Amino acid sequence: MSLHLATPIALYGFCIAATWIDTIADNLVNLLDFVGIILKIPAPIVGLTILAWGNSMGDLSANMTMARK
C-alpha cells in the first residue's frame, strides 16, 4: 500500500480511536460522579481520590512494565 493511501486511513483510524477513548472516559467519569452522589461523597473528595487514582493507573502500568524490562 502506498504512503499516499495509507496516511488518510491511519489518520481516520486515529480519529476513531480517540473518539472512542474520549467517549468511554467521559462515561466512566459520569458513572463515578453518580456513585459519589448516591453514596453522598462530596465532589471534591471523589475528584481528589477516585478520579485521581484512576487517572494514574495508566502511568503505573507503564512504569511497572518498564521496571520489569
N, C-alpha and C. Protein backbone atom coordinates (compact mmCIF):
# COMPACT_ATOMS: atom_id res chain seq x y z
N MET A 1 0.85 -1.17 0.00
CA MET A 1 0.00 0.00 0.00
C MET A 1 0.90 1.24 0.00
N SER A 2 0.57 2.17 -0.85
CA SER A 2 1.40 3.36 -0.97
C SER A 2 1.18 4.28 0.23
N LEU A 3 2.14 5.13 0.45
CA LEU A 3 2.08 6.08 1.57
C LEU A 3 0.93 7.06 1.40
N HIS A 4 0.64 7.43 0.17
CA HIS A 4 -0.44 8.39 -0.09
C HIS A 4 -1.80 7.80 0.25
N LEU A 5 -1.94 6.50 0.18
CA LEU A 5 -3.20 5.84 0.52
C LEU A 5 -3.25 5.48 2.00
N ALA A 6 -2.12 5.09 2.55
CA ALA A 6 -2.09 4.65 3.95
C ALA A 6 -2.24 5.81 4.94
N THR A 7 -1.77 6.99 4.61
CA THR A 7 -1.82 8.12 5.53
C THR A 7 -3.24 8.53 5.90
N PRO A 8 -4.16 8.71 4.95
CA PRO A 8 -5.54 9.06 5.36
C PRO A 8 -6.23 7.94 6.14
N ILE A 9 -5.92 6.69 5.79
CA ILE A 9 -6.53 5.57 6.52
C ILE A 9 -6.03 5.56 7.96
N ALA A 10 -4.74 5.79 8.15
CA ALA A 10 -4.19 5.82 9.51
C ALA A 10 -4.74 7.00 10.29
N LEU A 11 -4.88 8.15 9.67
CA LEU A 11 -5.44 9.32 10.33
C LEU A 11 -6.90 9.07 10.73
N TYR A 12 -7.66 8.46 9.85
CA TYR A 12 -9.05 8.12 10.15
C TYR A 12 -9.13 7.15 11.33
N GLY A 13 -8.29 6.14 11.33
CA GLY A 13 -8.25 5.18 12.43
C GLY A 13 -7.89 5.84 13.75
N PHE A 14 -6.94 6.78 13.71
CA PHE A 14 -6.56 7.51 14.91
C PHE A 14 -7.72 8.33 15.44
N CYS A 15 -8.44 9.00 14.56
CA CYS A 15 -9.59 9.81 14.98
C CYS A 15 -10.69 8.95 15.59
N ILE A 16 -10.95 7.82 15.00
CA ILE A 16 -11.97 6.90 15.54
C ILE A 16 -11.54 6.41 16.91
N ALA A 17 -10.28 6.02 17.08
CA ALA A 17 -9.79 5.53 18.37
C ALA A 17 -9.85 6.63 19.43
N ALA A 18 -9.46 7.84 19.07
CA ALA A 18 -9.50 8.95 20.02
C ALA A 18 -10.94 9.26 20.43
N THR A 19 -11.86 9.16 19.49
CA THR A 19 -13.28 9.40 19.81
C THR A 19 -13.80 8.35 20.78
N TRP A 20 -13.48 7.08 20.55
CA TRP A 20 -13.92 6.02 21.46
C TRP A 20 -13.32 6.20 22.86
N ILE A 21 -12.05 6.53 22.93
CA ILE A 21 -11.40 6.73 24.23
C ILE A 21 -12.06 7.88 24.98
N ASP A 22 -12.33 8.98 24.28
CA ASP A 22 -12.97 10.13 24.91
C ASP A 22 -14.37 9.79 25.40
N THR A 23 -15.13 9.05 24.58
CA THR A 23 -16.49 8.69 24.96
C THR A 23 -16.51 7.77 26.17
N ILE A 24 -15.66 6.78 26.18
CA ILE A 24 -15.62 5.83 27.30
C ILE A 24 -15.15 6.53 28.57
N ALA A 25 -14.12 7.36 28.47
CA ALA A 25 -13.62 8.08 29.64
C ALA A 25 -14.68 9.02 30.20
N ASP A 26 -15.41 9.70 29.33
CA ASP A 26 -16.47 10.60 29.78
C ASP A 26 -17.57 9.84 30.51
N ASN A 27 -17.94 8.69 29.98
CA ASN A 27 -18.97 7.88 30.64
C ASN A 27 -18.50 7.34 31.98
N LEU A 28 -17.24 6.97 32.08
CA LEU A 28 -16.71 6.48 33.36
C LEU A 28 -16.69 7.58 34.41
N VAL A 29 -16.32 8.79 34.02
CA VAL A 29 -16.33 9.91 34.95
C VAL A 29 -17.75 10.21 35.41
N ASN A 30 -18.69 10.18 34.48
CA ASN A 30 -20.09 10.40 34.85
C ASN A 30 -20.59 9.31 35.80
N LEU A 31 -20.18 8.08 35.57
CA LEU A 31 -20.58 6.98 36.46
C LEU A 31 -19.99 7.17 37.85
N LEU A 32 -18.73 7.56 37.93
CA LEU A 32 -18.12 7.79 39.24
C LEU A 32 -18.76 8.97 39.96
N ASP A 33 -19.12 10.00 39.23
CA ASP A 33 -19.84 11.13 39.83
C ASP A 33 -21.19 10.67 40.38
N PHE A 34 -21.88 9.83 39.62
CA PHE A 34 -23.17 9.31 40.05
C PHE A 34 -23.03 8.47 41.31
N VAL A 35 -22.01 7.61 41.35
CA VAL A 35 -21.77 6.79 42.55
C VAL A 35 -21.46 7.70 43.74
N GLY A 36 -20.70 8.74 43.52
CA GLY A 36 -20.41 9.69 44.59
C GLY A 36 -21.66 10.37 45.12
N ILE A 37 -22.58 10.70 44.22
CA ILE A 37 -23.84 11.32 44.65
C ILE A 37 -24.68 10.34 45.43
N ILE A 38 -24.77 9.11 44.95
CA ILE A 38 -25.57 8.09 45.63
C ILE A 38 -25.02 7.80 47.02
N LEU A 39 -23.70 7.72 47.15
CA LEU A 39 -23.08 7.42 48.45
C LEU A 39 -22.86 8.67 49.30
N LYS A 40 -23.31 9.84 48.78
CA LYS A 40 -23.20 11.12 49.48
C LYS A 40 -21.74 11.48 49.82
N ILE A 41 -20.88 11.21 48.86
CA ILE A 41 -19.47 11.60 48.98
C ILE A 41 -19.32 12.96 48.32
N PRO A 42 -18.74 13.93 48.98
CA PRO A 42 -18.59 15.25 48.35
C PRO A 42 -17.77 15.18 47.06
N ALA A 43 -18.14 16.01 46.10
CA ALA A 43 -17.49 16.01 44.78
C ALA A 43 -15.97 16.24 44.86
N PRO A 44 -15.49 17.15 45.73
CA PRO A 44 -14.02 17.32 45.79
C PRO A 44 -13.31 16.06 46.28
N ILE A 45 -13.92 15.32 47.17
CA ILE A 45 -13.30 14.08 47.66
C ILE A 45 -13.25 13.05 46.54
N VAL A 46 -14.35 12.94 45.79
CA VAL A 46 -14.37 11.99 44.66
C VAL A 46 -13.30 12.39 43.65
N GLY A 47 -13.20 13.68 43.36
CA GLY A 47 -12.21 14.14 42.39
C GLY A 47 -10.78 13.94 42.84
N LEU A 48 -10.52 14.16 44.13
CA LEU A 48 -9.16 14.05 44.63
C LEU A 48 -8.72 12.61 44.89
N THR A 49 -9.67 11.71 45.06
CA THR A 49 -9.29 10.33 45.38
C THR A 49 -9.56 9.39 44.22
N ILE A 50 -10.81 9.11 43.95
CA ILE A 50 -11.16 8.09 42.97
C ILE A 50 -10.73 8.48 41.57
N LEU A 51 -11.07 9.68 41.13
CA LEU A 51 -10.71 10.09 39.77
C LEU A 51 -9.20 10.23 39.60
N ALA A 52 -8.54 10.75 40.61
CA ALA A 52 -7.08 10.90 40.52
C ALA A 52 -6.40 9.52 40.50
N TRP A 53 -6.93 8.60 41.29
CA TRP A 53 -6.37 7.25 41.32
C TRP A 53 -6.54 6.58 39.96
N GLY A 54 -7.72 6.71 39.40
CA GLY A 54 -7.98 6.12 38.09
C GLY A 54 -7.13 6.75 37.00
N ASN A 55 -6.87 8.03 37.11
CA ASN A 55 -6.06 8.72 36.12
C ASN A 55 -4.60 8.27 36.17
N SER A 56 -4.13 7.86 37.31
CA SER A 56 -2.72 7.47 37.44
C SER A 56 -2.48 5.99 37.15
N MET A 57 -3.53 5.23 36.89
CA MET A 57 -3.35 3.79 36.63
C MET A 57 -2.57 3.53 35.34
N GLY A 58 -2.77 4.36 34.33
CA GLY A 58 -2.00 4.20 33.09
C GLY A 58 -0.51 4.41 33.32
N ASP A 59 -0.17 5.42 34.11
CA ASP A 59 1.23 5.67 34.43
C ASP A 59 1.82 4.52 35.25
N LEU A 60 1.04 3.99 36.19
CA LEU A 60 1.52 2.87 37.00
C LEU A 60 1.80 1.66 36.12
N SER A 61 0.89 1.39 35.20
CA SER A 61 1.08 0.25 34.29
C SER A 61 2.34 0.42 33.45
N ALA A 62 2.54 1.60 32.90
CA ALA A 62 3.73 1.85 32.08
C ALA A 62 5.00 1.76 32.92
N ASN A 63 4.98 2.30 34.11
CA ASN A 63 6.17 2.27 34.97
C ASN A 63 6.51 0.85 35.39
N MET A 64 5.50 0.06 35.70
CA MET A 64 5.76 -1.34 36.10
C MET A 64 6.33 -2.14 34.92
N THR A 65 5.81 -1.89 33.74
CA THR A 65 6.33 -2.59 32.56
C THR A 65 7.78 -2.22 32.29
N MET A 66 8.10 -0.94 32.39
CA MET A 66 9.49 -0.51 32.17
C MET A 66 10.41 -1.02 33.26
N ALA A 67 9.93 -1.09 34.51
CA ALA A 67 10.77 -1.60 35.59
C ALA A 67 11.07 -3.08 35.42
N ARG A 68 10.13 -3.82 34.89
CA ARG A 68 10.35 -5.25 34.67
C ARG A 68 11.37 -5.50 33.55
N LYS A 69 11.39 -4.61 32.58
CA LYS A 69 12.33 -4.79 31.46
C LYS A 69 13.71 -4.34 31.86
